[in-house]
Amino acid sequence: MRENLAVLLLVGQVALVHWATIHERLPPIPDLARFPATLDQWSVLRESPIEVDVQRQLRADSLLSRDYGDPSRTSVVNVLVAWFQSQSTGHGQPHSPQVCLPGAGWVPELTNEVLLTTKDGVIAVNRYVVVNGGQRAVVLYWYQTPQRVVTGEWAAKLWAIASAIRDKRTDTALVRVVTWASASTNGVDGATVTAIGFGEELYQSLRERLPK
């Protein structure tokens, strides 16, 4: 079944490349460097530059990588937003953190979904609990387009094909939030609550600033 789905997606993407090359409307590239330094109670602690070789692998058209902290500085979250103007040429496509993080030494411990409450309603995003030596982290991630939030990689590809046909656009953003679990954050549960709260603010701000 999965092999059949993979073949269908491959055929669909080939057709998408041909169709979108002629018809796709490319939205303006957002300047994520000007993303707000404060989100509700959160404020920027530092920029977190992405290494050049990683940027080359991502091939994103706009990138945001920062650490935000709460007023007490007891909670810190790292944010990565990789925005892709088009997926039709195959030049740049989002990569799942489930692939990237193990390559950086983070071992998966738990994968599920959690809910964010937003002005657009309740949306599901991925939660990924990972460990690296003595460190444990909670990762939330999702794919955000002008129309919807998608959690699955296959679903994101299918929606890209649908969006190309209906809207003549395939732009999307990979959004990732990481926070560290420790005694001061009440472990994984506390870190999850922190990540969800920040994710709700981040989602809404991205909705307002990414191309409509």
Protein backbone atom coordinates (compact mmCIF):
# COMPACT_ATOMS: atom_id res chain seq x y z
CA MET A 1 0.00 0.00 0.00
CA ARG A 2 2.78 2.42 0.95
CA GLU A 3 4.69 1.54 -2.22
CA ASN A 4 1.61 2.31 -4.31
CA LEU A 5 1.17 5.62 -2.51
CA ALA A 6 4.82 6.49 -3.06
CA VAL A 7 4.47 5.78 -6.79
CA LEU A 8 1.33 7.92 -7.01
CA LEU A 9 3.05 10.78 -5.21
CA LEU A 10 6.08 10.52 -7.48
CA VAL A 11 3.87 10.64 -10.57
CA GLY A 12 1.92 13.54 -9.07
CA GLN A 13 5.08 15.47 -8.30
CA VAL A 14 6.39 14.95 -11.84
CA ALA A 15 3.10 16.28 -13.20
CA LEU A 16 3.25 19.13 -10.69
CA VAL A 17 6.72 20.14 -11.87
CA HIS A 18 5.56 20.27 -15.48
CA TRP A 19 2.32 22.10 -14.69
CA ALA A 20 3.70 24.56 -12.14
CA THR A 21 6.63 25.56 -14.33
CA ILE A 22 4.09 27.14 -16.62
CA HIS A 23 1.34 28.25 -14.23
CA GLU A 24 2.72 28.71 -10.71
CA ARG A 25 2.37 32.13 -9.07
CA LEU A 26 5.38 32.76 -6.85
CA PRO A 27 4.54 34.76 -3.71
CA PRO A 28 6.95 37.39 -2.38
CA ILE A 29 9.72 36.08 -0.14
CA PRO A 30 9.08 37.09 3.50
CA ASP A 31 11.91 38.77 5.38
CA LEU A 32 12.04 36.49 8.42
CA ALA A 33 15.00 38.48 9.78
CA ARG A 34 12.41 41.14 10.69
CA PHE A 35 10.23 38.67 12.59
CA PRO A 36 9.09 40.16 15.95
CA ALA A 37 11.62 40.13 18.77
CA THR A 38 8.77 39.66 21.27
CA LEU A 39 5.88 37.19 21.20
CA ASP A 40 3.52 37.82 24.09
CA GLN A 41 5.71 37.23 27.18
CA TRP A 42 8.60 35.82 25.14
CA SER A 43 11.57 37.88 23.94
CA VAL A 44 14.64 37.13 21.85
CA LEU A 45 17.69 36.00 23.80
CA ARG A 46 19.97 35.52 20.82
CA GLU A 47 20.08 34.76 17.12
CA SER A 48 21.05 31.17 16.40
CA PRO A 49 22.79 31.23 13.00
CA ILE A 50 22.49 28.11 10.88
CA GLU A 51 25.75 26.73 9.53
CA VAL A 52 26.37 27.39 5.85
CA ASP A 53 26.47 23.70 4.90
CA VAL A 54 23.14 23.13 6.67
CA GLN A 55 21.64 26.10 4.82
CA ARG A 56 22.79 24.57 1.56
CA GLN A 57 21.09 21.30 2.45
CA LEU A 58 17.86 23.04 3.46
CA ARG A 59 17.75 25.25 0.35
CA ALA A 60 15.10 27.41 2.00
CA ASP A 61 14.28 30.80 0.50
CA SER A 62 13.95 32.45 3.92
CA LEU A 63 15.17 31.29 7.33
CA LEU A 64 14.57 32.18 10.97
CA SER A 65 16.62 30.62 13.78
CA ARG A 66 16.45 32.17 17.25
CA ASP A 67 16.30 31.47 20.96
CA TYR A 68 13.44 33.07 22.91
CA GLY A 69 13.15 33.24 26.69
CA ASP A 70 10.33 33.88 29.14
CA PRO A 71 10.52 36.76 31.69
CA SER A 72 12.10 34.57 34.37
CA ARG A 73 14.58 33.09 31.86
CA THR A 74 13.83 29.66 33.30
CA SER A 75 12.39 28.51 29.96
CA VAL A 76 14.19 28.83 26.64
CA VAL A 77 12.88 27.76 23.25
CA ASN A 78 14.74 27.50 19.98
CA VAL A 79 12.75 28.37 16.86
CA LEU A 80 13.48 27.32 13.31
CA VAL A 81 11.30 28.48 10.42
CA ALA A 82 12.38 27.41 6.93
CA TRP A 83 10.17 28.94 4.22
CA PHE A 84 10.11 27.59 0.67
CA GLN A 85 8.77 29.72 -2.16
CA SER A 86 8.10 26.76 -4.44
CA GLN A 87 8.22 22.96 -4.29
CA SER A 88 7.59 22.49 -7.98
CA THR A 89 11.19 22.40 -9.18
CA GLY A 90 12.55 20.07 -6.51
CA HIS A 91 15.21 22.69 -5.67
CA GLY A 92 14.00 23.17 -2.10
CA GLN A 93 11.67 21.05 -0.04
CA PRO A 94 11.22 20.82 3.74
CA HIS A 95 12.97 17.98 5.55
CA SER A 96 11.34 16.32 8.53
CA PRO A 97 13.10 16.87 11.88
CA GLN A 98 12.62 13.12 12.39
CA VAL A 99 15.32 12.73 9.75
CA CYS A 100 17.56 15.66 10.70
CA LEU A 101 17.68 15.34 14.50
CA PRO A 102 18.99 11.74 14.64
CA GLY A 103 21.80 12.86 12.34
CA ALA A 104 22.75 15.40 15.01
CA GLY A 105 22.87 12.73 17.73
CA TRP A 106 19.34 13.06 19.11
CA VAL A 107 17.70 9.66 19.66
CA PRO A 108 13.88 9.46 19.43
CA GLU A 109 12.07 8.45 22.61
CA LEU A 110 8.44 9.28 21.81
CA THR A 111 6.48 10.56 18.81
CA ASN A 112 2.86 11.71 18.93
CA GLU A 113 0.64 14.73 18.29
CA VAL A 114 -0.45 17.57 20.56
CA LEU A 115 -3.00 20.34 20.05
CA LEU A 116 -2.48 24.09 19.70
CA THR A 117 -5.40 26.43 20.40
CA THR A 118 -5.33 29.30 17.91
CA LYS A 119 -7.62 31.96 16.49
CA ASP A 120 -8.17 29.60 13.56
CA GLY A 121 -9.32 26.84 15.91
CA VAL A 122 -7.55 23.83 17.38
CA ILE A 123 -4.77 22.41 15.21
CA ALA A 124 -2.68 19.27 15.60
CA VAL A 125 1.13 19.40 15.45
CA ASN A 126 3.85 16.78 15.90
CA ARG A 127 5.55 16.25 19.25
CA TYR A 128 8.91 14.51 19.23
CA VAL A 129 10.70 13.70 22.51
CA VAL A 130 14.41 13.12 21.94
CA VAL A 131 17.47 12.38 24.08
CA ASN A 132 21.17 13.05 23.56
CA GLY A 133 23.46 11.86 26.32
CA GLY A 134 22.13 13.43 29.50
CA GLN A 135 19.90 15.91 27.67
CA ARG A 136 16.22 15.49 26.85
CA ALA A 137 14.27 17.82 24.60
CA VAL A 138 10.70 18.29 23.40
CA VAL A 139 10.32 19.16 19.73
CA LEU A 140 7.13 20.44 18.12
CA TYR A 141 6.99 20.75 14.35
CA TRP A 142 4.51 21.25 11.56
CA TYR A 143 4.19 22.34 7.94
CA GLN A 144 2.37 25.66 7.59
CA THR A 145 0.84 26.91 4.34
CA PRO A 146 -1.55 29.81 3.69
CA GLN A 147 -4.46 27.38 3.85
CA ARG A 148 -3.65 24.84 6.55
CA VAL A 149 -1.30 23.14 8.99
CA VAL A 150 -0.14 19.63 8.05
CA THR A 151 1.68 17.18 10.30
CA GLY A 152 2.59 14.28 8.00
CA GLU A 153 5.24 14.34 5.28
CA TRP A 154 3.09 12.38 2.81
CA ALA A 155 0.07 14.55 3.52
CA ALA A 156 2.19 17.67 2.97
CA LYS A 157 3.19 16.39 -0.48
CA LEU A 158 -0.42 15.60 -1.40
CA TRP A 159 -1.61 19.03 -0.29
CA ALA A 160 1.21 20.64 -2.28
CA ILE A 161 -0.16 19.00 -5.43
CA ALA A 162 -3.70 20.10 -4.55
CA SER A 163 -2.57 23.67 -3.85
CA ALA A 164 -0.68 23.84 -7.13
CA ILE A 165 -3.81 22.88 -9.04
CA ARG A 166 -6.26 25.04 -7.09
CA ASP A 167 -4.19 28.06 -6.02
CA LYS A 168 -1.22 27.90 -8.44
CA ARG A 169 1.11 28.01 -5.42
CA THR A 170 3.22 25.47 -3.53
CA ASP A 171 4.90 27.67 -0.90
CA THR A 172 5.19 26.20 2.59
CA ALA A 173 7.07 26.67 5.86
CA LEU A 174 8.61 24.04 8.09
CA VAL A 175 8.15 25.27 11.67
CA ARG A 176 10.10 23.70 14.54
CA VAL A 177 10.09 24.57 18.25
CA VAL A 178 12.57 22.97 20.66
CA THR A 179 12.65 23.30 24.43
CA TRP A 180 14.73 21.38 26.93
CA ALA A 181 13.34 19.15 29.67
CA SER A 182 14.94 19.46 33.09
CA ALA A 183 14.08 19.64 36.76
CA SER A 184 13.58 23.41 36.45
CA THR A 185 11.02 22.90 33.64
CA ASN A 186 9.19 20.03 35.41
CA GLY A 187 10.54 17.45 33.00
CA VAL A 188 9.00 16.45 29.68
CA ASP A 189 5.46 17.37 30.72
CA GLY A 190 6.45 20.88 31.74
CA ALA A 191 8.58 21.34 28.63
CA THR A 192 5.63 20.22 26.51
CA VAL A 193 3.36 22.81 28.11
CA THR A 194 6.00 25.48 27.46
CA ALA A 195 6.43 24.43 23.83
CA ILE A 196 2.67 24.40 23.23
CA GLY A 197 2.21 27.87 24.72
CA PHE A 198 5.02 29.29 22.63
CA GLY A 199 3.86 27.40 19.54
CA GLU A 200 0.42 29.00 19.76
CA GLU A 201 1.96 32.49 19.74
CA LEU A 202 4.39 31.58 16.97
CA TYR A 203 1.71 30.08 14.74
CA GLN A 204 -0.45 33.19 14.92
CA SER A 205 2.45 35.54 14.22
CA LEU A 206 3.46 33.48 11.19
CA ARG A 207 -0.13 33.52 9.93
CA GLU A 208 0.01 37.30 9.96
CA ARG A 209 3.40 37.63 8.27
CA LEU A 210 3.82 34.82 5.76
CA PRO A 211 2.38 35.43 2.27
CA LYS A 212 -1.42 35.09 2.16
